[in-house]
Amino acid sequence: MAAEWRPPYPSSAGHGRAKASRWSWIRKAPVVSEAPGLFARDYVASHHDAFLAEVAPLVASGRLKYREDIRQGLENIPACFAEMLRGDNFGKMIVQVGADPTARGAAGAV
């Protein structure tokens, strides 16, 4: 028979309070809204427009370049994922499964 789970701290039973449950820590956990700026997405969201205004013209003019590690075919996804986890790729790892519609000269390019 499995032993009953007990919290790692003394029970407050008999001291005028209800016995602590195993999930009582959840009530004490900080709420995300109480910690603004804690996550990178908060920073990115607040700086996104300024970043695009500054960087987009540099990319368009060719003064700023970025690297993408592009592989072909769905069958290569497991190997590409493993490479990415090992850090064997450079830049952004992309598995291409069709023609790039944004490539210059491609049909349907903007």
Protein backbone atom coordinates (compact mmCIF):
# COMPACT_ATOMS: atom_id res chain seq x y z
CA MET A 1 0.00 0.00 0.00
CA ALA A 2 1.36 3.43 -0.98
CA ALA A 3 2.10 5.86 1.81
CA GLU A 4 -0.06 8.94 2.06
CA TRP A 5 1.60 12.00 0.56
CA ARG A 6 2.73 14.52 3.20
CA PRO A 7 3.95 18.06 2.58
CA PRO A 8 7.66 18.70 3.22
CA TYR A 9 6.77 21.14 6.02
CA PRO A 10 4.98 20.57 9.32
CA SER A 11 1.22 20.42 9.12
CA SER A 12 -0.67 23.31 10.60
CA ALA A 13 -3.50 20.99 11.63
CA GLY A 14 -4.52 21.59 15.20
CA HIS A 15 -3.26 25.18 15.14
CA GLY A 16 -6.53 26.84 14.18
CA ARG A 17 -5.90 26.48 10.42
CA ALA A 18 -6.95 23.95 7.84
CA LYS A 19 -4.43 21.29 6.86
CA ALA A 20 -2.32 22.38 3.87
CA SER A 21 -3.02 20.51 0.66
CA ARG A 22 -0.36 19.35 -1.76
CA TRP A 23 -1.45 22.13 -4.16
CA SER A 24 -1.39 25.03 -1.69
CA TRP A 25 1.80 26.38 -3.30
CA ILE A 26 -0.22 27.25 -6.44
CA ARG A 27 -2.14 29.92 -4.54
CA LYS A 28 1.19 31.47 -3.53
CA ALA A 29 2.77 31.38 -6.99
CA PRO A 30 3.21 34.83 -8.58
CA VAL A 31 0.76 35.74 -11.28
CA VAL A 32 2.35 36.69 -14.61
CA SER A 33 0.42 39.95 -14.73
CA GLU A 34 2.12 40.91 -11.43
CA ALA A 35 5.54 40.65 -13.06
CA PRO A 36 5.51 42.88 -16.17
CA GLY A 37 8.63 42.70 -18.29
CA LEU A 38 9.52 39.26 -17.00
CA PHE A 39 9.30 37.61 -20.40
CA ALA A 40 11.19 38.45 -23.59
CA ARG A 41 7.93 38.77 -25.51
CA ASP A 42 7.01 41.77 -23.34
CA TYR A 43 10.27 43.49 -24.33
CA VAL A 44 9.92 42.54 -27.98
CA ALA A 45 6.33 43.78 -28.15
CA SER A 46 7.26 47.15 -26.70
CA HIS A 47 10.22 47.65 -29.08
CA HIS A 48 8.92 45.94 -32.25
CA ASP A 49 7.90 49.04 -34.21
CA ALA A 50 11.09 50.97 -33.43
CA PHE A 51 13.19 47.93 -34.36
CA LEU A 52 11.47 47.50 -37.72
CA ALA A 53 11.76 51.22 -38.51
CA GLU A 54 15.51 51.08 -37.93
CA VAL A 55 16.43 47.65 -39.30
CA ALA A 56 14.11 47.14 -42.29
CA PRO A 57 15.79 49.83 -44.42
CA LEU A 58 19.22 48.34 -43.63
CA VAL A 59 18.11 44.87 -44.75
CA ALA A 60 16.42 46.25 -47.87
CA SER A 61 19.57 48.18 -48.85
CA GLY A 62 21.83 45.18 -48.25
CA ARG A 63 23.84 46.91 -45.50
CA LEU A 64 22.59 44.36 -42.97
CA LYS A 65 22.59 40.69 -43.88
CA TYR A 66 21.27 37.67 -41.99
CA ARG A 67 21.98 33.97 -42.33
CA GLU A 68 19.52 31.15 -42.76
CA ASP A 69 20.36 27.46 -42.76
CA ILE A 70 17.88 26.18 -45.37
CA ARG A 71 17.41 22.46 -45.95
CA GLN A 72 15.10 20.79 -48.47
CA GLY A 73 12.29 18.30 -47.79
CA LEU A 74 10.12 17.03 -44.97
CA GLU A 75 12.18 13.85 -44.70
CA ASN A 76 15.09 15.93 -43.36
CA ILE A 77 13.18 17.41 -40.39
CA PRO A 78 14.40 14.90 -37.75
CA ALA A 79 18.06 15.35 -38.72
CA CYS A 80 17.68 19.14 -38.92
CA PHE A 81 16.03 19.27 -35.51
CA ALA A 82 18.86 17.22 -34.00
CA GLU A 83 21.45 19.52 -35.61
CA MET A 84 19.66 22.56 -34.27
CA LEU A 85 19.62 21.13 -30.73
CA ARG A 86 23.37 20.39 -30.95
CA GLY A 87 24.06 23.88 -32.26
CA ASP A 88 25.43 22.57 -35.54
CA ASN A 89 23.39 25.01 -37.65
CA PHE A 90 24.09 28.67 -38.35
CA GLY A 91 21.45 31.37 -38.30
CA LYS A 92 17.82 30.33 -38.47
CA MET A 93 17.21 26.65 -39.30
CA ILE A 94 14.55 26.33 -42.02
CA VAL A 95 13.23 23.21 -43.71
CA GLN A 96 11.85 24.22 -47.07
CA VAL A 97 8.92 22.18 -48.37
CA GLY A 98 7.98 24.31 -51.37
CA ALA A 99 9.06 27.21 -53.53
CA ASP A 100 9.81 30.48 -51.72
CA PRO A 101 7.00 32.87 -52.68
CA THR A 102 9.03 35.89 -51.50
CA ALA A 103 12.12 35.16 -53.62
CA ARG A 104 12.83 37.80 -56.22
CA GLY A 105 11.68 36.66 -59.62
CA ALA A 106 9.53 33.87 -58.20
CA ALA A 107 5.98 33.52 -59.46
CA GLY A 108 3.69 35.32 -57.05
CA ALA A 109 6.49 37.36 -55.46
CA VAL A 110 5.52 40.69 -54.03
